Amino acid sequence: MAITAKDVMGLRQRTGLGMMECKRALTESSGDVDAAIALLRSKMKGKMEERSDRESSEGVVAVAQEEGAVAMISLRCETDFVARNDDFISAAGNLAQMVLAGDEGNVEAGDDIKQVVEDLRIKIQENIEFAEGVKISGGELGFYVHHNRKIGVVIQAEGISDGDLLKGLCQHIAAAVPTPLAADETGLPAEDVGKQRAAAVAEANAAGKPPEIAEKIAVGKLRKWVDENTLMGQVYLREMDAKKPVRDYIPAGGSVRQFVRFRLG
């Protein structure tokens, strides 16, 4: 079967590979396009496995939403150049949609996601990996992806219908230093709280304070640490001049159930 320039161009558009590579694959597969794609995938997979140990510290965060649900994924690559590639960004969006169509909770790469990533690796010829994904459903939902696509946050709340406030809380979580460990004290790891309490008591005792005074000092230090490391206790970054904690901006009866933050780099 004669291989035409149109055949080669069509395969190149589907795979993103060079004209000569596409022509050879079509020749070896006797013009069968699907067989040629499978052949190219097999050949390029071996080459890409040689790059699998290269660090993939760049990439993008992408979000997809529908009524009552939000999904967020992190797709990694080797270089910032590829992270700004339209095909890479589009693939990240498609992966977010795939996660949105799946089950709720943290998401690991299944066969369908792995296939999309593998095809992208072959087309772009960099080490690319699906880093993490999550789907959250129910309640009031908000999300934010920073303009550089390196940081994304999804938040789930109850009794907070103000979409702008939800976005503001996501922006706060994205930018706050330290990054909040939990929405409030109840979400903090018990082990961390115990270590901080013990350290505060030991410091007060070392200062020679009476036991009752040492206990009060320890309580104050622990409270300060809790506020510094929880969303509700941190000063709301959108209203820095007011110097009020986030809890003061939450409407009566409202609460934050959970949030998820992805960051690249």
Protein backbone atom coordinates (compact mmCIF):
# COMPACT_ATOMS: atom_id res chain seq x y z
CA MET A 1 0.00 0.00 0.00
CA ALA A 2 1.34 3.42 -0.98
CA ILE A 3 1.88 5.80 1.95
CA THR A 4 0.87 9.36 1.00
CA ALA A 5 2.00 12.63 2.51
CA LYS A 6 -1.59 13.13 3.70
CA ASP A 7 -1.43 9.83 5.61
CA VAL A 8 1.84 10.83 7.25
CA MET A 9 0.52 14.28 8.18
CA GLY A 10 -2.64 12.77 9.67
CA LEU A 11 -0.59 10.45 11.89
CA ARG A 12 1.72 13.30 12.87
CA GLN A 13 -1.26 15.42 13.95
CA ARG A 14 -2.55 12.56 16.10
CA THR A 15 0.77 11.72 17.74
CA GLY A 16 2.84 14.92 17.61
CA LEU A 17 5.86 12.91 16.42
CA GLY A 18 8.17 13.67 13.50
CA MET A 19 7.24 13.10 9.87
CA MET A 20 9.93 10.46 9.29
CA GLU A 21 8.96 8.53 12.43
CA CYS A 22 5.33 8.56 11.33
CA LYS A 23 6.19 7.48 7.78
CA ARG A 24 8.30 4.56 9.02
CA ALA A 25 5.51 3.43 11.35
CA LEU A 26 2.93 3.56 8.57
CA THR A 27 5.23 1.62 6.27
CA GLU A 28 5.85 -1.06 8.88
CA SER A 29 2.13 -1.34 9.58
CA SER A 30 1.16 -1.42 5.89
CA GLY A 31 -0.79 1.80 6.21
CA ASP A 32 -2.91 0.72 9.20
CA VAL A 33 -3.12 3.93 11.27
CA ASP A 34 -4.15 2.26 14.53
CA ALA A 35 -1.38 -0.30 14.20
CA ALA A 36 1.08 2.50 13.42
CA ILE A 37 0.05 4.36 16.57
CA ALA A 38 0.49 1.18 18.65
CA LEU A 39 3.93 0.67 17.07
CA LEU A 40 5.00 4.23 17.80
CA ARG A 41 3.72 3.95 21.36
CA SER A 42 5.74 0.78 21.89
CA LYS A 43 8.92 2.30 20.46
CA MET A 44 8.61 5.61 22.27
CA LYS A 45 7.70 3.97 25.58
CA GLY A 46 11.17 2.42 25.74
CA LYS A 47 12.78 5.80 25.16
CA MET A 48 10.57 7.47 27.75
CA GLU A 49 11.40 4.83 30.37
CA GLU A 50 15.00 6.03 30.12
CA ARG A 51 13.76 9.44 31.32
CA SER A 52 11.56 8.08 34.13
CA ASP A 53 14.20 8.83 36.78
CA ARG A 54 14.38 12.50 35.81
CA GLU A 55 12.88 14.91 38.32
CA SER A 56 9.43 16.19 37.39
CA SER A 57 9.16 19.26 39.60
CA GLU A 58 7.28 21.51 37.16
CA GLY A 59 3.69 21.14 35.99
CA VAL A 60 0.20 22.50 36.53
CA VAL A 61 -2.79 22.19 38.83
CA ALA A 62 -6.18 21.92 37.12
CA VAL A 63 -9.75 21.99 38.43
CA ALA A 64 -13.04 20.75 36.99
CA GLN A 65 -16.48 21.34 38.47
CA GLU A 66 -20.10 20.40 38.09
CA GLU A 67 -23.18 21.00 40.20
CA GLY A 68 -22.32 19.79 43.70
CA ALA A 69 -18.79 18.53 43.00
CA VAL A 70 -15.26 19.75 42.33
CA ALA A 71 -12.19 17.78 41.22
CA MET A 72 -8.57 18.91 41.32
CA ILE A 73 -5.45 17.26 39.90
CA SER A 74 -1.72 17.92 39.80
CA LEU A 75 0.16 16.94 36.62
CA ARG A 76 3.96 17.06 36.75
CA CYS A 77 6.61 17.46 34.06
CA GLU A 78 10.34 18.21 33.85
CA THR A 79 10.42 21.77 32.51
CA ASP A 80 8.50 25.01 32.81
CA PHE A 81 8.47 25.17 28.99
CA VAL A 82 6.31 22.03 28.83
CA ALA A 83 4.17 23.24 31.77
CA ARG A 84 3.18 26.17 29.52
CA ASN A 85 2.52 23.92 26.51
CA ASP A 86 -1.10 24.06 25.30
CA ASP A 87 -1.29 20.28 24.85
CA PHE A 88 -0.02 19.73 28.39
CA ILE A 89 -2.46 22.24 29.90
CA SER A 90 -5.34 20.77 27.88
CA ALA A 91 -4.44 17.25 29.03
CA ALA A 92 -4.44 18.41 32.66
CA GLY A 93 -7.93 19.81 32.18
CA ASN A 94 -9.09 16.54 30.62
CA LEU A 95 -7.63 14.58 33.53
CA ALA A 96 -9.50 16.81 35.99
CA GLN A 97 -12.72 16.03 34.09
CA MET A 98 -11.94 12.30 34.30
CA VAL A 99 -11.46 12.56 38.06
CA LEU A 100 -14.71 14.54 38.32
CA ALA A 101 -16.54 11.67 36.59
CA GLY A 102 -15.14 9.15 39.09
CA ASP A 103 -15.54 8.35 42.76
CA GLU A 104 -15.22 10.86 45.59
CA GLY A 105 -12.05 11.15 47.66
CA ASN A 106 -8.34 10.95 46.92
CA VAL A 107 -7.65 9.59 43.46
CA GLU A 108 -4.82 7.40 42.23
CA ALA A 109 -4.05 6.94 38.54
CA GLY A 110 -6.14 4.13 37.04
CA ASP A 111 -5.60 2.61 33.61
CA ASP A 112 -7.53 5.38 31.83
CA ILE A 113 -5.48 8.13 33.47
CA LYS A 114 -2.24 6.22 32.91
CA GLN A 115 -3.05 5.92 29.19
CA VAL A 116 -3.60 9.68 28.84
CA VAL A 117 -0.32 10.37 30.65
CA GLU A 118 1.58 7.79 28.59
CA ASP A 119 0.32 9.25 25.31
CA LEU A 120 1.30 12.72 26.52
CA ARG A 121 4.79 11.55 27.50
CA ILE A 122 5.29 10.08 24.04
CA LYS A 123 3.98 13.18 22.29
CA ILE A 124 5.92 15.73 24.35
CA GLN A 125 8.89 13.46 25.15
CA GLU A 126 9.34 14.45 28.78
CA ASN A 127 8.90 12.59 32.03
CA ILE A 128 5.27 13.36 32.91
CA GLU A 129 3.34 11.96 35.86
CA PHE A 130 -0.08 12.21 37.43
CA ALA A 131 0.96 13.41 40.89
CA GLU A 132 -2.31 13.52 42.81
CA GLY A 133 -6.03 14.05 42.47
CA VAL A 134 -9.11 14.54 44.60
CA LYS A 135 -12.87 14.83 44.18
CA ILE A 136 -15.07 16.50 46.79
CA SER A 137 -18.87 16.47 46.71
CA GLY A 138 -21.62 18.06 48.77
CA GLY A 139 -21.96 21.17 50.88
CA GLU A 140 -20.86 24.57 49.64
CA LEU A 141 -17.78 24.28 47.44
CA GLY A 142 -15.15 26.78 46.37
CA PHE A 143 -11.84 26.60 44.59
CA TYR A 144 -8.94 28.72 43.45
CA VAL A 145 -6.04 28.12 41.07
CA HIS A 146 -3.23 30.69 41.13
CA HIS A 147 -2.47 32.43 37.84
CA ASN A 148 0.77 30.45 37.41
CA ARG A 149 -1.18 27.17 37.83
CA LYS A 150 1.33 26.01 40.46
CA ILE A 151 -1.03 26.18 43.46
CA GLY A 152 -4.64 25.11 43.74
CA VAL A 153 -7.09 24.86 46.64
CA VAL A 154 -10.54 23.29 46.98
CA ILE A 155 -12.69 23.99 50.02
CA GLN A 156 -15.87 22.36 51.34
CA ALA A 157 -18.02 24.33 53.75
CA GLU A 158 -21.38 24.20 55.48
CA GLY A 159 -23.57 27.28 55.87
CA ILE A 160 -21.31 29.56 53.79
CA SER A 161 -23.22 30.53 50.66
CA ASP A 162 -21.04 33.54 49.75
CA GLY A 163 -19.02 32.38 46.73
CA ASP A 164 -16.60 35.29 47.02
CA LEU A 165 -15.85 34.40 50.65
CA LEU A 166 -15.22 30.77 49.67
CA LYS A 167 -12.82 31.92 46.97
CA GLY A 168 -11.16 34.28 49.44
CA LEU A 169 -10.65 31.44 51.91
CA CYS A 170 -9.06 29.37 49.13
CA GLN A 171 -6.75 32.26 48.26
CA HIS A 172 -5.82 32.56 51.92
CA ILE A 173 -4.97 28.86 52.16
CA ALA A 174 -2.91 29.15 48.98
CA ALA A 175 -0.84 32.07 50.28
CA ALA A 176 -0.73 31.74 54.09
CA VAL A 177 2.56 31.11 55.86
CA PRO A 178 2.51 28.77 57.63
CA THR A 179 0.06 26.81 55.51
CA PRO A 180 -2.86 25.91 57.80
CA LEU A 181 -2.73 22.31 58.96
CA ALA A 182 -6.49 22.10 59.52
CA ALA A 183 -9.65 24.19 59.49
CA ASP A 184 -9.75 24.42 63.30
CA GLU A 185 -8.31 22.83 66.42
CA THR A 186 -10.45 19.70 66.11
CA GLY A 187 -8.69 18.82 62.86
CA LEU A 188 -5.14 19.10 64.17
CA PRO A 189 -3.19 15.86 64.62
CA ALA A 190 -3.41 14.86 68.28
CA GLU A 191 0.29 13.96 68.30
CA ASP A 192 1.30 17.46 67.15
CA VAL A 193 -0.93 19.12 69.74
CA GLY A 194 0.53 16.88 72.46
CA LYS A 195 4.11 17.75 71.49
CA GLN A 196 3.36 21.47 71.48
CA ARG A 197 1.63 21.27 74.88
CA ALA A 198 4.55 19.34 76.40
CA ALA A 199 7.09 21.79 74.96
CA ALA A 200 5.14 24.77 76.31
CA VAL A 201 4.89 23.25 79.81
CA ALA A 202 8.60 22.34 79.83
CA GLU A 203 9.55 25.89 78.78
CA ALA A 204 7.40 27.44 81.52
CA ASN A 205 8.79 25.06 84.16
CA ALA A 206 12.34 25.78 83.05
CA ALA A 207 11.71 29.46 83.68
CA GLY A 208 11.11 28.61 87.36
CA LYS A 209 7.44 29.57 87.38
CA PRO A 210 5.08 28.12 90.02
CA PRO A 211 3.08 25.15 88.66
CA GLU A 212 -0.20 27.07 88.42
CA ILE A 213 1.50 29.96 86.55
CA ALA A 214 3.42 27.56 84.35
CA GLU A 215 0.16 25.89 83.35
CA LYS A 216 -1.42 29.23 82.37
CA ILE A 217 1.64 30.17 80.34
CA ALA A 218 1.57 26.79 78.60
CA VAL A 219 -2.13 27.19 77.76
CA GLY A 220 -1.45 30.62 76.24
CA LYS A 221 1.47 29.35 74.16
CA LEU A 222 -0.56 26.40 72.93
CA ARG A 223 -3.45 28.67 71.97
CA LYS A 224 -1.05 30.88 70.00
CA TRP A 225 0.33 27.86 68.14
CA VAL A 226 -3.18 26.59 67.36
CA ASP A 227 -4.19 29.98 65.93
CA GLU A 228 -1.03 30.19 63.84
CA ASN A 229 -1.60 26.76 62.32
CA THR A 230 -5.37 26.62 61.71
CA LEU A 231 -7.44 28.40 59.09
CA MET A 232 -9.91 29.76 61.63
CA GLY A 233 -7.17 31.24 63.82
CA GLN A 234 -5.03 32.91 61.16
CA VAL A 235 -5.44 36.58 60.29
CA TYR A 236 -7.52 36.74 57.10
CA LEU A 237 -5.12 37.77 54.34
CA ARG A 238 -7.76 39.55 52.28
CA GLU A 239 -8.36 41.91 55.20
CA MET A 240 -4.86 42.19 56.66
CA ASP A 241 -5.34 45.72 57.93
CA ALA A 242 -8.28 44.63 60.10
CA LYS A 243 -6.05 42.03 61.80
CA LYS A 244 -9.03 39.79 62.45
CA PRO A 245 -8.90 35.98 62.33
CA VAL A 246 -10.73 34.07 59.63
CA ARG A 247 -13.29 32.86 62.19
CA ASP A 248 -14.62 36.43 62.47
CA TYR A 249 -15.64 36.38 58.78
CA ILE A 250 -17.55 33.09 58.95
CA PRO A 251 -21.33 33.59 59.20
CA ALA A 252 -23.16 32.28 62.26
CA GLY A 253 -23.69 28.55 61.96
CA GLY A 254 -21.16 28.27 59.16
CA SER A 255 -18.10 26.02 59.19
CA VAL A 256 -15.36 24.67 56.97
CA ARG A 257 -15.54 20.90 56.66
CA GLN A 258 -12.26 20.40 54.82
CA PHE A 259 -9.85 21.85 52.32
CA VAL A 260 -7.24 20.40 49.99
CA ARG A 261 -4.15 22.27 48.76
CA PHE A 262 -1.91 21.15 45.88
CA ARG A 263 1.38 22.90 45.21
CA LEU A 264 4.06 22.35 42.58
CA GLY A 265 7.69 23.37 42.86
